[in-house]
C-alpha atoms as a PDB file:
ATOM      1  CA  UNK A   1     -78.481  89.315 100.813  1.00  0.00           C
ATOM      2  CA  UNK A   2     -77.763  91.556  97.838  1.00  0.00           C
ATOM      3  CA  UNK A   3     -78.951  90.462  94.417  1.00  0.00           C
ATOM      4  CA  UNK A   4     -76.180  89.531  92.030  1.00  0.00           C
ATOM      5  CA  UNK A   5     -75.691  92.026  89.225  1.00  0.00           C
ATOM      6  CA  UNK A   6     -75.405  90.419  85.806  1.00  0.00           C
ATOM      7  CA  UNK A   7     -73.589  92.448  83.186  1.00  0.00           C
ATOM      8  CA  UNK A   8     -74.219  91.587  79.548  1.00  0.00           C
ATOM      9  CA  UNK A   9     -71.607  92.746  77.130  1.00  0.00           C
ATOM     10  CA  UNK A  10     -72.598  93.929  73.678  1.00  0.00           C
ATOM     11  CA  UNK A  11     -70.535  91.130  72.154  1.00  0.00           C
ATOM     12  CA  UNK A  12     -72.667  88.608  74.067  1.00  0.00           C
ATOM     13  CA  UNK A  13     -75.810  89.589  72.147  1.00  0.00           C
ATOM     14  CA  UNK A  14     -76.950  87.608  69.076  1.00  0.00           C
ATOM     15  CA  UNK A  15     -75.378  88.806  65.816  1.00  0.00           C
ATOM     16  CA  UNK A  16     -78.697  89.875  64.334  1.00  0.00           C
ATOM     17  CA  UNK A  17     -79.439  91.934  67.442  1.00  0.00           C
ATOM     18  CA  UNK A  18     -76.065  93.687  67.082  1.00  0.00           C
ATOM     19  CA  UNK A  19     -76.801  94.281  63.401  1.00  0.00           C
ATOM     20  CA  UNK A  20     -80.123  95.913  64.355  1.00  0.00           C
ATOM     21  CA  UNK A  21     -78.281  98.179  66.800  1.00  0.00           C
ATOM     22  CA  UNK A  22     -75.705  99.095  64.151  1.00  0.00           C
ATOM     23  CA  UNK A  23     -78.480  99.938  61.693  1.00  0.00           C
ATOM     24  CA  UNK A  24     -79.946 102.411  64.160  1.00  0.00           C
ATOM     25  CA  UNK A  25     -76.683 104.084  65.152  1.00  0.00           C
ATOM     26  CA  UNK A  26     -74.999 104.355  61.747  1.00  0.00           C
ATOM     27  CA  UNK A  27     -75.951 106.520  58.768  1.00  0.00           C
ATOM     28  CA  UNK A  28     -73.176 105.909  56.219  1.00  0.00           C
ATOM     29  CA  UNK A  29     -71.306 102.907  54.787  1.00  0.00           C
ATOM     30  CA  UNK A  30     -68.074 104.352  56.206  1.00  0.00           C
ATOM     31  CA  UNK A  31     -69.412 104.105  59.755  1.00  0.00           C
ATOM     32  CA  UNK A  32     -70.482 100.506  59.224  1.00  0.00           C
ATOM     33  CA  UNK A  33     -67.099  99.585  57.747  1.00  0.00           C
ATOM     34  CA  UNK A  34     -65.259 101.139  60.691  1.00  0.00           C
ATOM     35  CA  UNK A  35     -67.375  99.301  63.251  1.00  0.00           C
ATOM     36  CA  UNK A  36     -66.696  96.001  61.471  1.00  0.00           C
ATOM     37  CA  UNK A  37     -63.094  96.355  62.644  1.00  0.00           C
ATOM     38  CA  UNK A  38     -64.017  96.456  66.336  1.00  0.00           C
ATOM     39  CA  UNK A  39     -64.270  92.692  66.797  1.00  0.00           C
ATOM     40  CA  UNK A  40     -65.087  89.441  65.037  1.00  0.00           C
ATOM     41  CA  UNK A  41     -68.647  89.631  66.334  1.00  0.00           C
ATOM     42  CA  UNK A  42     -69.095  93.126  64.911  1.00  0.00           C
ATOM     43  CA  UNK A  43     -67.585  92.004  61.618  1.00  0.00           C
ATOM     44  CA  UNK A  44     -70.089  89.170  61.349  1.00  0.00           C
ATOM     45  CA  UNK A  45     -72.944  91.527  62.262  1.00  0.00           C
ATOM     46  CA  UNK A  46     -72.041  93.879  59.422  1.00  0.00           C
ATOM     47  CA  UNK A  47     -72.617  91.064  56.911  1.00  0.00           C
ATOM     48  CA  UNK A  48     -76.408  91.223  57.274  1.00  0.00           C
ATOM     49  CA  UNK A  49     -78.182  92.304  54.099  1.00  0.00           C
ATOM     50  CA  UNK A  50     -80.655  94.668  55.756  1.00  0.00           C
ATOM     51  CA  UNK A  51     -77.731  96.729  57.055  1.00  0.00           C
ATOM     52  CA  UNK A  52     -76.508  97.450  53.514  1.00  0.00           C
ATOM     53  CA  UNK A  53     -79.774  97.528  51.569  1.00  0.00           C
ATOM     54  CA  UNK A  54     -80.592 101.001  52.922  1.00  0.00           C
ATOM     55  CA  UNK A  55     -77.488 102.449  51.229  1.00  0.00           C
ATOM     56  CA  UNK A  56     -78.642 101.481  47.726  1.00  0.00           C
ATOM     57  CA  UNK A  57     -80.508 104.047  45.619  1.00  0.00           C
ATOM     58  CA  UNK A  58     -84.231 103.185  45.542  1.00  0.00           C
ATOM     59  CA  UNK A  59     -84.163 103.049  41.717  1.00  0.00           C
ATOM     60  CA  UNK A  60     -81.043 100.858  41.471  1.00  0.00           C
ATOM     61  CA  UNK A  61     -82.797  97.984  39.681  1.00  0.00           C
ATOM     62  CA  UNK A  62     -83.891 100.353  36.912  1.00  0.00           C
ATOM     63  CA  UNK A  63     -80.272 101.461  36.326  1.00  0.00           C
ATOM     64  CA  UNK A  64     -78.358  98.177  36.433  1.00  0.00           C
ATOM     65  CA  UNK A  65     -79.573  94.555  36.138  1.00  0.00           C
ATOM     66  CA  UNK A  66     -78.986  93.277  39.672  1.00  0.00           C
ATOM     67  CA  UNK A  67     -79.478  89.666  38.551  1.00  0.00           C
ATOM     68  CA  UNK A  68     -76.302  89.863  36.458  1.00  0.00           C
ATOM     69  CA  UNK A  69     -74.110  90.185  39.563  1.00  0.00           C
ATOM     70  CA  UNK A  70     -74.178  86.469  40.299  1.00  0.00           C
ATOM     71  CA  UNK A  71     -70.803  86.522  42.087  1.00  0.00           C
ATOM     72  CA  UNK A  72     -72.168  88.868  44.777  1.00  0.00           C
ATOM     73  CA  UNK A  73     -73.565  86.607  47.468  1.00  0.00           C
ATOM     74  CA  UNK A  74     -74.557  89.432  49.812  1.00  0.00           C
ATOM     75  CA  UNK A  75     -75.740  93.045  49.704  1.00  0.00           C
ATOM     76  CA  UNK A  76     -72.406  94.093  51.182  1.00  0.00           C
ATOM     77  CA  UNK A  77     -70.521  92.398  48.349  1.00  0.00           C
ATOM     78  CA  UNK A  78     -72.865  93.976  45.808  1.00  0.00           C
ATOM     79  CA  UNK A  79     -72.370  97.426  47.345  1.00  0.00           C
ATOM     80  CA  UNK A  80     -68.583  97.269  47.121  1.00  0.00           C
ATOM     81  CA  UNK A  81     -68.711  95.804  43.617  1.00  0.00           C
ATOM     82  CA  UNK A  82     -70.875  98.700  42.424  1.00  0.00           C
ATOM     83  CA  UNK A  83     -68.575 101.222  44.088  1.00  0.00           C
ATOM     84  CA  UNK A  84     -65.264  99.656  43.011  1.00  0.00           C
ATOM     85  CA  UNK A  85     -66.035  98.693  39.416  1.00  0.00           C
ATOM     86  CA  UNK A  86     -67.891 100.845  36.849  1.00  0.00           C
ATOM     87  CA  UNK A  87     -70.898  99.125  35.285  1.00  0.00           C
ATOM     88  CA  UNK A  88     -71.510  99.882  31.605  1.00  0.00           C
ATOM     89  CA  UNK A  89     -75.151 100.812  30.905  1.00  0.00           C
ATOM     90  CA  UNK A  90     -77.378 102.303  28.180  1.00  0.00           C
ATOM     91  CA  UNK A  91     -75.900 100.360  25.255  1.00  0.00           C
ATOM     92  CA  UNK A  92     -72.351 101.294  26.210  1.00  0.00           C
ATOM     93  CA  UNK A  93     -72.863 105.071  26.268  1.00  0.00           C
ATOM     94  CA  UNK A  94     -72.621 105.465  30.070  1.00  0.00           C
ATOM     95  CA  UNK A  95     -71.075 103.875  33.118  1.00  0.00           C
ATOM     96  CA  UNK A  96     -72.529 103.781  36.626  1.00  0.00           C
ATOM     97  CA  UNK A  97     -70.930 103.605  40.062  1.00  0.00           C
ATOM     98  CA  UNK A  98     -71.808 104.236  43.672  1.00  0.00           C
ATOM     99  CA  UNK A  99     -69.766 106.640  45.743  1.00  0.00           C
ATOM    100  CA  UNK A 100     -68.299 104.273  48.312  1.00  0.00           C
ATOM    101  CA  UNK A 101     -68.496 106.752  51.193  1.00  0.00           C
ATOM    102  CA  UNK A 102     -72.119 107.854  50.729  1.00  0.00           C
ATOM    103  CA  UNK A 103     -73.868 105.490  48.311  1.00  0.00           C
ATOM    104  CA  UNK A 104     -74.755 108.396  46.013  1.00  0.00           C
ATOM    105  CA  UNK A 105     -74.977 107.791  42.273  1.00  0.00           C
ATOM    106  CA  UNK A 106     -72.128 108.634  39.891  1.00  0.00           C
ATOM    107  CA  UNK A 107     -72.178 108.488  36.088  1.00  0.00           C
ATOM    108  CA  UNK A 108     -69.717 108.826  33.230  1.00  0.00           C
ATOM    109  CA  UNK A 109     -70.989 109.771  29.787  1.00  0.00           C
ATOM    110  CA  UNK A 110     -68.805 108.137  27.140  1.00  0.00           C
ATOM    111  CA  UNK A 111     -67.116 110.052  24.330  1.00  0.00           C
ATOM    112  CA  UNK A 112     -69.489 108.407  21.876  1.00  0.00           C
ATOM    113  CA  UNK A 113     -72.424 109.508  24.013  1.00  0.00           C
ATOM    114  CA  UNK A 114     -71.354 113.161  23.834  1.00  0.00           C
ATOM    115  CA  UNK A 115     -71.917 115.659  21.055  1.00  0.00           C
ATOM    116  CA  UNK A 116     -68.489 116.420  19.587  1.00  0.00           C
ATOM    117  CA  UNK A 117     -68.081 119.109  16.929  1.00  0.00           C
ATOM    118  CA  UNK A 118     -64.793 118.667  15.103  1.00  0.00           C
ATOM    119  CA  UNK A 119     -63.515 118.201  11.561  1.00  0.00           C
ATOM    120  CA  UNK A 120     -63.134 114.532  10.635  1.00  0.00           C
ATOM    121  CA  UNK A 121     -64.179 111.198  12.141  1.00  0.00           C
ATOM    122  CA  UNK A 122     -62.968 111.206  15.752  1.00  0.00           C
ATOM    123  CA  UNK A 123     -63.905 107.765  17.117  1.00  0.00           C
ATOM    124  CA  UNK A 124     -61.265 105.135  17.926  1.00  0.00           C
ATOM    125  CA  UNK A 125     -60.932 102.126  20.234  1.00  0.00           C
ATOM    126  CA  UNK A 126     -58.521 102.180  23.191  1.00  0.00           C
ATOM    127  CA  UNK A 127     -57.885  99.138  25.366  1.00  0.00           C
ATOM    128  CA  UNK A 128     -57.334 101.453  28.357  1.00  0.00           C
ATOM    129  CA  UNK A 129     -60.891 102.788  28.147  1.00  0.00           C
ATOM    130  CA  UNK A 130     -63.934 101.303  29.843  1.00  0.00           C
ATOM    131  CA  UNK A 131     -65.925 102.164  26.691  1.00  0.00           C
ATOM    132  CA  UNK A 132     -65.676 100.739  23.181  1.00  0.00           C
ATOM    133  CA  UNK A 133     -65.070 104.138  21.587  1.00  0.00           C
ATOM    134  CA  UNK A 134     -63.303 107.331  22.632  1.00  0.00           C
ATOM    135  CA  UNK A 135     -63.087 110.671  20.878  1.00  0.00           C
ATOM    136  CA  UNK A 136     -59.746 111.400  19.164  1.00  0.00           C
ATOM    137  CA  UNK A 137     -59.263 115.143  18.717  1.00  0.00           C
ATOM    138  CA  UNK A 138     -56.407 117.194  17.264  1.00  0.00           C
ATOM    139  CA  UNK A 139     -55.960 120.818  18.376  1.00  0.00           C
ATOM    140  CA  UNK A 140     -55.083 121.880  14.826  1.00  0.00           C
ATOM    141  CA  UNK A 141     -58.796 122.665  14.658  1.00  0.00           C
ATOM    142  CA  UNK A 142     -60.924 124.078  17.448  1.00  0.00           C
ATOM    143  CA  UNK A 143     -63.436 121.650  18.875  1.00  0.00           C
ATOM    144  CA  UNK A 144     -66.480 121.648  21.120  1.00  0.00           C
ATOM    145  CA  UNK A 145     -67.790 118.876  23.382  1.00  0.00           C
ATOM    146  CA  UNK A 146     -71.226 119.152  24.920  1.00  0.00           C
ATOM    147  CA  UNK A 147     -73.883 117.096  26.653  1.00  0.00           C
ATOM    148  CA  UNK A 148     -77.183 117.684  28.361  1.00  0.00           C
ATOM    149  CA  UNK A 149     -77.600 115.960  31.727  1.00  0.00           C
ATOM    150  CA  UNK A 150     -80.999 115.088  33.116  1.00  0.00           C
ATOM    151  CA  UNK A 151     -80.693 115.531  36.910  1.00  0.00           C
ATOM    152  CA  UNK A 152     -83.553 113.111  37.598  1.00  0.00           C
ATOM    153  CA  UNK A 153     -81.372 109.939  37.631  1.00  0.00           C
ATOM    154  CA  UNK A 154     -78.875 111.622  39.992  1.00  0.00           C
ATOM    155  CA  UNK A 155     -79.091 111.456  43.782  1.00  0.00           C
ATOM    156  CA  UNK A 156     -81.442 114.249  44.908  1.00  0.00           C
ATOM    157  CA  UNK A 157     -80.369 117.293  46.924  1.00  0.00           C
ATOM    158  CA  UNK A 158     -76.704 116.735  46.126  1.00  0.00           C
ATOM    159  CA  UNK A 159     -73.978 119.089  44.915  1.00  0.00           C
ATOM    160  CA  UNK A 160     -72.395 117.480  41.863  1.00  0.00           C
ATOM    161  CA  UNK A 161     -69.193 118.236  39.962  1.00  0.00           C
ATOM    162  CA  UNK A 162     -68.566 117.398  36.298  1.00  0.00           C
ATOM    163  CA  UNK A 163     -65.112 116.388  35.034  1.00  0.00           C
ATOM    164  CA  UNK A 164     -63.689 115.970  31.552  1.00  0.00           C
ATOM    165  CA  UNK A 165     -61.735 112.679  31.501  1.00  0.00           C
ATOM    166  CA  UNK A 166     -59.001 112.555  28.867  1.00  0.00           C
ATOM    167  CA  UNK A 167     -55.488 111.516  27.816  1.00  0.00           C
ATOM    168  CA  UNK A 168     -52.794 112.987  25.579  1.00  0.00           C
ATOM    169  CA  UNK A 169     -50.354 111.073  23.372  1.00  0.00           C
ATOM    170  CA  UNK A 170     -47.725 113.679  24.236  1.00  0.00           C
ATOM    171  CA  UNK A 171     -47.572 114.088  28.070  1.00  0.00           C
ATOM    172  CA  UNK A 172     -46.692 117.758  27.681  1.00  0.00           C
ATOM    173  CA  UNK A 173     -50.138 118.255  26.176  1.00  0.00           C
ATOM    174  CA  UNK A 174     -51.719 117.855  29.615  1.00  0.00           C
ATOM    175  CA  UNK A 175     -50.523 121.317  30.639  1.00  0.00           C
ATOM    176  CA  UNK A 176     -51.643 122.727  27.288  1.00  0.00           C
ATOM    177  CA  UNK A 177     -55.198 121.494  27.699  1.00  0.00           C
ATOM    178  CA  UNK A 178     -55.301 122.547  31.338  1.00  0.00           C
ATOM    179  CA  UNK A 179     -54.782 126.103  30.104  1.00  0.00           C
ATOM    180  CA  UNK A 180     -56.698 126.064  26.808  1.00  0.00           C
ATOM    181  CA  UNK A 181     -60.000 124.342  27.650  1.00  0.00           C
ATOM    182  CA  UNK A 182     -62.962 126.478  28.625  1.00  0.00           C
ATOM    183  CA  UNK A 183     -66.084 125.159  30.345  1.00  0.00           C
ATOM    184  CA  UNK A 184     -69.676 126.394  30.267  1.00  0.00           C
ATOM    185  CA  UNK A 185     -72.464 124.992  32.376  1.00  0.00           C
ATOM    186  CA  UNK A 186     -75.940 125.906  33.525  1.00  0.00           C
ATOM    187  CA  UNK A 187     -79.600 124.946  33.563  1.00  0.00           C
ATOM    188  CA  UNK A 188     -81.449 124.848  30.273  1.00  0.00           C
ATOM    189  CA  UNK A 189     -83.328 128.141  29.927  1.00  0.00           C
ATOM    190  CA  UNK A 190     -80.741 130.064  31.942  1.00  0.00           C
ATOM    191  CA  UNK A 191     -77.625 131.741  30.619  1.00  0.00           C
ATOM    192  CA  UNK A 192     -74.684 129.285  30.880  1.00  0.00           C
ATOM    193  CA  UNK A 193     -71.887 130.300  33.216  1.00  0.00           C
ATOM    194  CA  UNK A 194     -68.288 130.270  32.082  1.00  0.00           C
ATOM    195  CA  UNK A 195     -65.647 128.502  34.127  1.00  0.00           C
ATOM    196  CA  UNK A 196     -62.283 129.759  32.830  1.00  0.00           C
ATOM    197  CA  UNK A 197     -59.138 127.666  33.424  1.00  0.00           C
ATOM    198  CA  UNK A 198     -58.012 129.910  36.291  1.00  0.00           C
ATOM    199  CA  UNK A 199     -61.184 129.059  38.230  1.00  0.00           C
ATOM    200  CA  UNK A 200     -61.172 125.322  37.578  1.00  0.00           C
ATOM    201  CA  UNK A 201     -59.518 122.722  39.730  1.00  0.00           C
ATOM    202  CA  UNK A 202     -56.047 121.664  38.653  1.00  0.00           C
ATOM    203  CA  UNK A 203     -55.871 118.865  36.124  1.00  0.00           C
ATOM    204  CA  UNK A 204     -55.028 115.685  38.017  1.00  0.00           C
ATOM    205  CA  UNK A 205     -54.048 112.098  37.252  1.00  0.00           C
ATOM    206  CA  UNK A 206     -56.669 109.513  38.130  1.00  0.00           C
ATOM    207  CA  UNK A 207     -55.880 106.069  39.486  1.00  0.00           C
ATOM    208  CA  UNK A 208     -57.127 104.509  36.223  1.00  0.00           C
ATOM    209  CA  UNK A 209     -54.378 106.289  34.261  1.00  0.00           C
ATOM    210  CA  UNK A 210     -56.589 108.984  32.724  1.00  0.00           C
ATOM    211  CA  UNK A 211     -56.521 112.687  33.556  1.00  0.00           C
ATOM    212  CA  UNK A 212     -59.435 114.842  34.642  1.00  0.00           C
ATOM    213  CA  UNK A 213     -60.227 118.526  34.889  1.00  0.00           C
ATOM    214  CA  UNK A 214     -63.327 120.043  36.436  1.00  0.00           C
ATOM    215  CA  UNK A 215     -65.898 121.640  34.137  1.00  0.00           C
ATOM    216  CA  UNK A 216     -68.254 122.979  36.767  1.00  0.00           C
ATOM    217  CA  UNK A 217     -70.628 122.197  39.619  1.00  0.00           C
ATOM    218  CA  UNK A 218     -74.395 122.096  39.921  1.00  0.00           C
ATOM    219  CA  UNK A 219     -77.104 121.031  42.358  1.00  0.00           C
ATOM    220  CA  UNK A 220     -79.160 117.994  41.440  1.00  0.00           C
ATOM    221  CA  UNK A 221     -82.313 119.532  42.873  1.00  0.00           C
ATOM    222  CA  UNK A 222     -85.278 117.743  44.374  1.00  0.00           C
ATOM    223  CA  UNK A 223     -85.432 115.093  41.661  1.00  0.00           C
ATOM    224  CA  UNK A 224     -88.853 116.260  40.460  1.00  0.00           C
ATOM    225  CA  UNK A 225     -89.133 118.198  37.176  1.00  0.00           C
ATOM    226  CA  UNK A 226     -85.721 119.847  37.480  1.00  0.00           C
ATOM    227  CA  UNK A 227     -84.331 121.501  34.354  1.00  0.00           C
ATOM    228  CA  UNK A 228     -81.548 119.632  32.515  1.00  0.00           C
ATOM    229  CA  UNK A 229     -77.956 120.796  32.956  1.00  0.00           C
ATOM    230  CA  UNK A 230     -76.006 121.847  29.861  1.00  0.00           C
ATOM    231  CA  UNK A 231     -72.243 121.159  29.907  1.00  0.00           C
ATOM    232  CA  UNK A 232     -69.961 122.506  27.178  1.00  0.00           C
ATOM    233  CA  UNK A 233     -66.179 122.151  26.836  1.00  0.00           C
ATOM    234  CA  UNK A 234     -64.340 123.867  24.001  1.00  0.00           C
ATOM    235  CA  UNK A 235     -60.782 124.678  23.025  1.00  0.00           C
ATOM    236  CA  UNK A 236     -60.094 128.411  23.172  1.00  0.00           C
ATOM    237  CA  UNK A 237     -57.388 128.329  20.497  1.00  0.00           C
ATOM    238  CA  UNK A 238     -55.544 125.953  18.179  1.00  0.00           C
ATOM    239  CA  UNK A 239     -51.938 125.070  17.479  1.00  0.00           C
ATOM    240  CA  UNK A 240     -50.526 124.464  14.029  1.00  0.00           C
ATOM    241  CA  UNK A 241     -48.035 121.638  14.486  1.00  0.00           C
ATOM    242  CA  UNK A 242     -49.490 118.500  12.826  1.00  0.00           C
ATOM    243  CA  UNK A 243     -50.077 115.548  15.126  1.00  0.00           C
ATOM    244  CA  UNK A 244     -49.057 117.319  18.311  1.00  0.00           C
ATOM    245  CA  UNK A 245     -51.087 117.065  21.521  1.00  0.00           C
ATOM    246  CA  UNK A 246     -53.603 114.515  20.202  1.00  0.00           C
ATOM    247  CA  UNK A 247     -56.448 114.422  22.725  1.00  0.00           C
ATOM    248  CA  UNK A 248     -58.357 111.245  23.645  1.00  0.00           C
ATOM    249  CA  UNK A 249     -61.614 111.974  25.453  1.00  0.00           C
ATOM    250  CA  UNK A 250     -63.064 109.070  27.419  1.00  0.00           C
ATOM    251  CA  UNK A 251     -66.054 111.054  28.604  1.00  0.00           C
ATOM    252  CA  UNK A 252     -67.540 113.399  31.187  1.00  0.00           C
ATOM    253  CA  UNK A 253     -67.861 112.069  34.731  1.00  0.00           C
ATOM    254  CA  UNK A 254     -70.488 113.410  37.105  1.00  0.00           C
ATOM    255  CA  UNK A 255     -70.030 112.657  40.802  1.00  0.00           C
ATOM    256  CA  UNK A 256     -70.797 114.302  44.159  1.00  0.00           C
ATOM    257  CA  UNK A 257     -68.537 117.282  44.777  1.00  0.00           C
ATOM    258  CA  UNK A 258     -65.554 116.735  47.098  1.00  0.00           C
ATOM    259  CA  UNK A 259     -65.430 113.089  46.051  1.00  0.00           C
ATOM    260  CA  UNK A 260     -62.048 112.154  44.613  1.00  0.00           C
ATOM    261  CA  UNK A 261     -61.614 110.101  41.453  1.00  0.00           C
ATOM    262  CA  UNK A 262     -63.768 106.982  41.695  1.00  0.00           C
ATOM    263  CA  UNK A 263     -61.270 104.549  40.206  1.00  0.00           C
END
């Protein structure tokens, strides 16, 4: 008499067991999210905290106060909150987000956190901005925006791109700034490289209503004693019509290259 063969389907296993299997066969949040659509059992398995904890940066608690996210009842909820909504940090001078697809760290340096060389007092408040203050610049005078980025807080061994995030009162000014802004970037101690407008990515509209144009790209390095990255944006000329093409600078966003606008 032949022994009866018993077939156990994956869905018949305990949820935690399925979650353990998913943890071993997935490497990105995207893969986990896709598998959650397979069945109700898989969806429940992807709710386990240990499945999502591995996607958080190891230094997350030193960047944002995790205890303040009281509405997040699970690591999955916390992950999507940190990737969907920018968190203001460092006394309002920066914002932090996770790249939803990879879990890598992304930062925006506010206009008030940048060094802006321009005639007059440029800071104003805009309700559309995530920050309390943005830089208000008029192209009647040439201006220069610069910041020095410490690569240590960034995700290691990652190619990053830096973007100037801005708005214009006159929509036609978008094309003007796309052509008249020049970017310089490089490691401190090395000669900065120039990224002329013809080599930059096209200025594009973000989903949060602001525009962005790429300044340059750099590698974050190993995360140990890497030289800071100097980013400089300046206008290459000026126009003489008073009040035209007023520029509002929200900040400079740094995110992994080939990642679209975060918001």
